[in-house]
Amino acid sequence: MPKLPRVSGEAAIRALERIGFVRRRQTGSHVVLRRFREEGDLGCVVPLHDELAVGTLRGILRQAKFTPEEFVQHLV
C-alpha cells in the first residue's frame, strides 16, 4: 500500500470531485459529498482542515470506496 500524501481538506474534496462526487451540504467545517451510482449512492464527510491526518484520509477513502492509488492519481 502506498504512503498517502499529506493534503488539506479542500485538496481532498477537489480530488473526490474529479472522481465523481458532488458537494451536498456543509455543516461547520465538515463537507458532505455524495456520488450517485447504479449500485447505490456513496457518501463521505471531509473536514476542512489545513492538513488531514493520514488515518482520517484513509477513512474518507474507505467511505468513498477508492484505493489510495486511485486517489493519488486525481490529486493533481
N, C-alpha and C. Protein backbone atom coordinates (compact mmCIF):
# COMPACT_ATOMS: atom_id res chain seq x y z
N MET A 1 0.84 -1.17 0.00
CA MET A 1 0.00 0.00 0.00
C MET A 1 0.89 1.24 0.00
N PRO A 2 0.65 2.17 -0.93
CA PRO A 2 1.50 3.35 -1.00
C PRO A 2 1.24 4.28 0.18
N LYS A 3 2.22 5.09 0.46
CA LYS A 3 2.09 6.07 1.52
C LYS A 3 1.18 7.19 1.03
N LEU A 4 0.21 7.56 1.85
CA LEU A 4 -0.70 8.63 1.48
C LEU A 4 -0.04 9.98 1.69
N PRO A 5 -0.24 10.90 0.77
CA PRO A 5 0.34 12.23 0.93
C PRO A 5 -0.44 13.04 1.96
N ARG A 6 0.19 14.05 2.51
CA ARG A 6 -0.48 14.96 3.43
C ARG A 6 -1.18 16.01 2.58
N VAL A 7 -2.50 16.08 2.67
CA VAL A 7 -3.27 17.02 1.87
C VAL A 7 -4.24 17.77 2.78
N SER A 8 -4.71 18.90 2.29
CA SER A 8 -5.71 19.66 3.03
C SER A 8 -7.09 19.08 2.72
N GLY A 9 -8.07 19.51 3.49
CA GLY A 9 -9.44 19.08 3.24
C GLY A 9 -9.93 19.53 1.87
N GLU A 10 -9.59 20.77 1.49
CA GLU A 10 -10.00 21.29 0.17
C GLU A 10 -9.39 20.48 -0.97
N ALA A 11 -8.11 20.10 -0.84
CA ALA A 11 -7.45 19.30 -1.89
C ALA A 11 -8.11 17.94 -1.99
N ALA A 12 -8.47 17.35 -0.86
CA ALA A 12 -9.15 16.05 -0.88
C ALA A 12 -10.51 16.18 -1.55
N ILE A 13 -11.23 17.26 -1.27
CA ILE A 13 -12.54 17.46 -1.90
C ILE A 13 -12.40 17.64 -3.40
N ARG A 14 -11.40 18.40 -3.85
CA ARG A 14 -11.19 18.58 -5.30
C ARG A 14 -10.91 17.24 -5.98
N ALA A 15 -10.09 16.40 -5.35
CA ALA A 15 -9.79 15.09 -5.93
C ALA A 15 -11.04 14.23 -5.98
N LEU A 16 -11.84 14.24 -4.93
CA LEU A 16 -13.07 13.45 -4.92
C LEU A 16 -14.08 13.98 -5.94
N GLU A 17 -14.11 15.29 -6.17
CA GLU A 17 -15.00 15.84 -7.19
C GLU A 17 -14.57 15.41 -8.58
N ARG A 18 -13.26 15.26 -8.81
CA ARG A 18 -12.78 14.76 -10.11
C ARG A 18 -13.20 13.31 -10.32
N ILE A 19 -13.33 12.57 -9.24
CA ILE A 19 -13.72 11.16 -9.31
C ILE A 19 -15.22 11.03 -9.58
N GLY A 20 -16.00 12.05 -9.24
CA GLY A 20 -17.44 11.99 -9.50
C GLY A 20 -18.32 12.36 -8.32
N PHE A 21 -17.74 12.77 -7.20
CA PHE A 21 -18.52 13.19 -6.04
C PHE A 21 -18.97 14.63 -6.23
N VAL A 22 -20.11 14.98 -5.62
CA VAL A 22 -20.61 16.35 -5.64
C VAL A 22 -20.85 16.80 -4.20
N ARG A 23 -20.66 18.09 -3.96
CA ARG A 23 -20.92 18.64 -2.62
C ARG A 23 -22.43 18.68 -2.41
N ARG A 24 -22.87 18.11 -1.31
CA ARG A 24 -24.30 18.12 -0.99
C ARG A 24 -24.61 19.20 0.02
N ARG A 25 -23.81 19.29 1.08
CA ARG A 25 -24.05 20.29 2.10
C ARG A 25 -22.81 20.46 2.96
N GLN A 26 -22.83 21.49 3.79
CA GLN A 26 -21.73 21.74 4.71
C GLN A 26 -22.31 22.15 6.05
N THR A 27 -21.79 21.54 7.10
CA THR A 27 -22.16 21.90 8.46
C THR A 27 -20.88 22.26 9.20
N GLY A 28 -20.72 23.52 9.49
CA GLY A 28 -19.49 23.95 10.15
C GLY A 28 -18.30 23.72 9.25
N SER A 29 -17.34 22.96 9.75
CA SER A 29 -16.12 22.71 8.98
C SER A 29 -16.12 21.34 8.31
N HIS A 30 -17.29 20.72 8.17
CA HIS A 30 -17.37 19.40 7.54
C HIS A 30 -18.25 19.47 6.30
N VAL A 31 -17.73 18.96 5.19
CA VAL A 31 -18.44 18.95 3.91
C VAL A 31 -18.90 17.52 3.63
N VAL A 32 -20.17 17.39 3.28
CA VAL A 32 -20.74 16.08 2.94
C VAL A 32 -20.76 15.98 1.42
N LEU A 33 -20.14 14.92 0.91
CA LEU A 33 -20.10 14.66 -0.53
C LEU A 33 -20.90 13.42 -0.85
N ARG A 34 -21.47 13.36 -2.05
CA ARG A 34 -22.26 12.22 -2.45
C ARG A 34 -21.92 11.86 -3.89
N ARG A 35 -21.92 10.57 -4.18
CA ARG A 35 -21.70 10.08 -5.54
C ARG A 35 -22.84 9.13 -5.87
N PHE A 36 -23.52 9.39 -6.97
CA PHE A 36 -24.66 8.57 -7.38
C PHE A 36 -24.19 7.52 -8.37
N ARG A 37 -24.50 6.25 -8.05
CA ARG A 37 -24.12 5.13 -8.91
C ARG A 37 -25.30 4.18 -9.04
N GLU A 38 -25.27 3.33 -10.05
CA GLU A 38 -26.33 2.34 -10.23
C GLU A 38 -26.38 1.35 -9.08
N GLU A 39 -25.21 1.00 -8.53
CA GLU A 39 -25.15 0.03 -7.43
C GLU A 39 -25.65 0.63 -6.13
N GLY A 40 -25.77 1.93 -6.07
CA GLY A 40 -26.19 2.62 -4.85
C GLY A 40 -25.36 3.87 -4.64
N ASP A 41 -25.89 4.76 -3.85
CA ASP A 41 -25.20 6.02 -3.59
C ASP A 41 -24.09 5.83 -2.56
N LEU A 42 -23.03 6.62 -2.73
CA LEU A 42 -21.93 6.64 -1.77
C LEU A 42 -21.85 8.03 -1.17
N GLY A 43 -21.55 8.09 0.09
CA GLY A 43 -21.39 9.38 0.74
C GLY A 43 -20.12 9.39 1.58
N CYS A 44 -19.54 10.55 1.75
CA CYS A 44 -18.40 10.67 2.64
C CYS A 44 -18.36 12.09 3.19
N VAL A 45 -17.72 12.23 4.33
CA VAL A 45 -17.62 13.50 5.03
C VAL A 45 -16.14 13.89 5.10
N VAL A 46 -15.83 15.12 4.68
CA VAL A 46 -14.45 15.59 4.68
C VAL A 46 -14.35 16.84 5.55
N PRO A 47 -13.49 16.83 6.56
CA PRO A 47 -13.30 18.04 7.37
C PRO A 47 -12.42 19.03 6.62
N LEU A 48 -12.70 20.30 6.78
CA LEU A 48 -11.92 21.34 6.10
C LEU A 48 -10.73 21.76 6.94
N HIS A 49 -9.85 20.83 7.22
CA HIS A 49 -8.64 21.11 7.99
C HIS A 49 -7.52 21.52 7.04
N ASP A 50 -6.53 22.23 7.58
CA ASP A 50 -5.37 22.63 6.77
C ASP A 50 -4.59 21.41 6.31
N GLU A 51 -4.52 20.40 7.15
CA GLU A 51 -3.83 19.15 6.81
C GLU A 51 -4.59 18.00 7.46
N LEU A 52 -5.02 17.04 6.62
CA LEU A 52 -5.75 15.88 7.13
C LEU A 52 -4.77 14.85 7.69
N ALA A 53 -5.12 14.26 8.80
CA ALA A 53 -4.31 13.17 9.34
C ALA A 53 -4.42 11.97 8.39
N VAL A 54 -3.39 11.16 8.35
CA VAL A 54 -3.37 10.03 7.42
C VAL A 54 -4.53 9.08 7.72
N GLY A 55 -4.82 8.84 8.99
CA GLY A 55 -5.93 7.95 9.35
C GLY A 55 -7.28 8.52 8.93
N THR A 56 -7.43 9.83 9.02
CA THR A 56 -8.66 10.48 8.58
C THR A 56 -8.83 10.34 7.08
N LEU A 57 -7.76 10.57 6.33
CA LEU A 57 -7.82 10.43 4.87
C LEU A 57 -8.11 9.00 4.49
N ARG A 58 -7.50 8.05 5.18
CA ARG A 58 -7.76 6.64 4.90
C ARG A 58 -9.23 6.30 5.14
N GLY A 59 -9.81 6.86 6.19
CA GLY A 59 -11.23 6.65 6.48
C GLY A 59 -12.13 7.25 5.41
N ILE A 60 -11.76 8.43 4.92
CA ILE A 60 -12.52 9.07 3.84
C ILE A 60 -12.49 8.20 2.60
N LEU A 61 -11.31 7.66 2.27
CA LEU A 61 -11.19 6.80 1.09
C LEU A 61 -11.98 5.51 1.27
N ARG A 62 -12.03 5.00 2.49
CA ARG A 62 -12.81 3.80 2.77
C ARG A 62 -14.30 4.08 2.54
N GLN A 63 -14.77 5.24 3.00
CA GLN A 63 -16.17 5.63 2.79
C GLN A 63 -16.47 5.79 1.30
N ALA A 64 -15.51 6.35 0.56
CA ALA A 64 -15.69 6.61 -0.86
C ALA A 64 -15.45 5.38 -1.72
N LYS A 65 -14.95 4.31 -1.11
CA LYS A 65 -14.64 3.05 -1.81
C LYS A 65 -13.63 3.26 -2.93
N PHE A 66 -12.55 3.96 -2.59
CA PHE A 66 -11.45 4.18 -3.53
C PHE A 66 -10.15 3.77 -2.88
N THR A 67 -9.23 3.30 -3.72
CA THR A 67 -7.92 2.91 -3.23
C THR A 67 -7.03 4.15 -3.15
N PRO A 68 -6.01 4.09 -2.33
CA PRO A 68 -5.07 5.23 -2.28
C PRO A 68 -4.44 5.53 -3.65
N GLU A 69 -4.20 4.50 -4.45
CA GLU A 69 -3.61 4.71 -5.77
C GLU A 69 -4.53 5.54 -6.65
N GLU A 70 -5.83 5.22 -6.67
CA GLU A 70 -6.79 5.96 -7.47
C GLU A 70 -6.89 7.42 -6.98
N PHE A 71 -6.87 7.59 -5.68
CA PHE A 71 -6.96 8.92 -5.11
C PHE A 71 -5.76 9.78 -5.50
N VAL A 72 -4.56 9.21 -5.39
CA VAL A 72 -3.33 9.95 -5.70
C VAL A 72 -3.31 10.37 -7.17
N GLN A 73 -3.86 9.55 -8.07
CA GLN A 73 -3.91 9.89 -9.48
C GLN A 73 -4.74 11.15 -9.73
N HIS A 74 -5.76 11.38 -8.92
CA HIS A 74 -6.66 12.51 -9.11
C HIS A 74 -6.28 13.74 -8.28
N LEU A 75 -5.17 13.68 -7.58
CA LEU A 75 -4.77 14.80 -6.74
C LEU A 75 -4.20 15.99 -7.50
N VAL A 76 -3.73 15.79 -8.68
CA VAL A 76 -3.03 16.82 -9.46
C VAL A 76 -3.60 18.15 -9.31
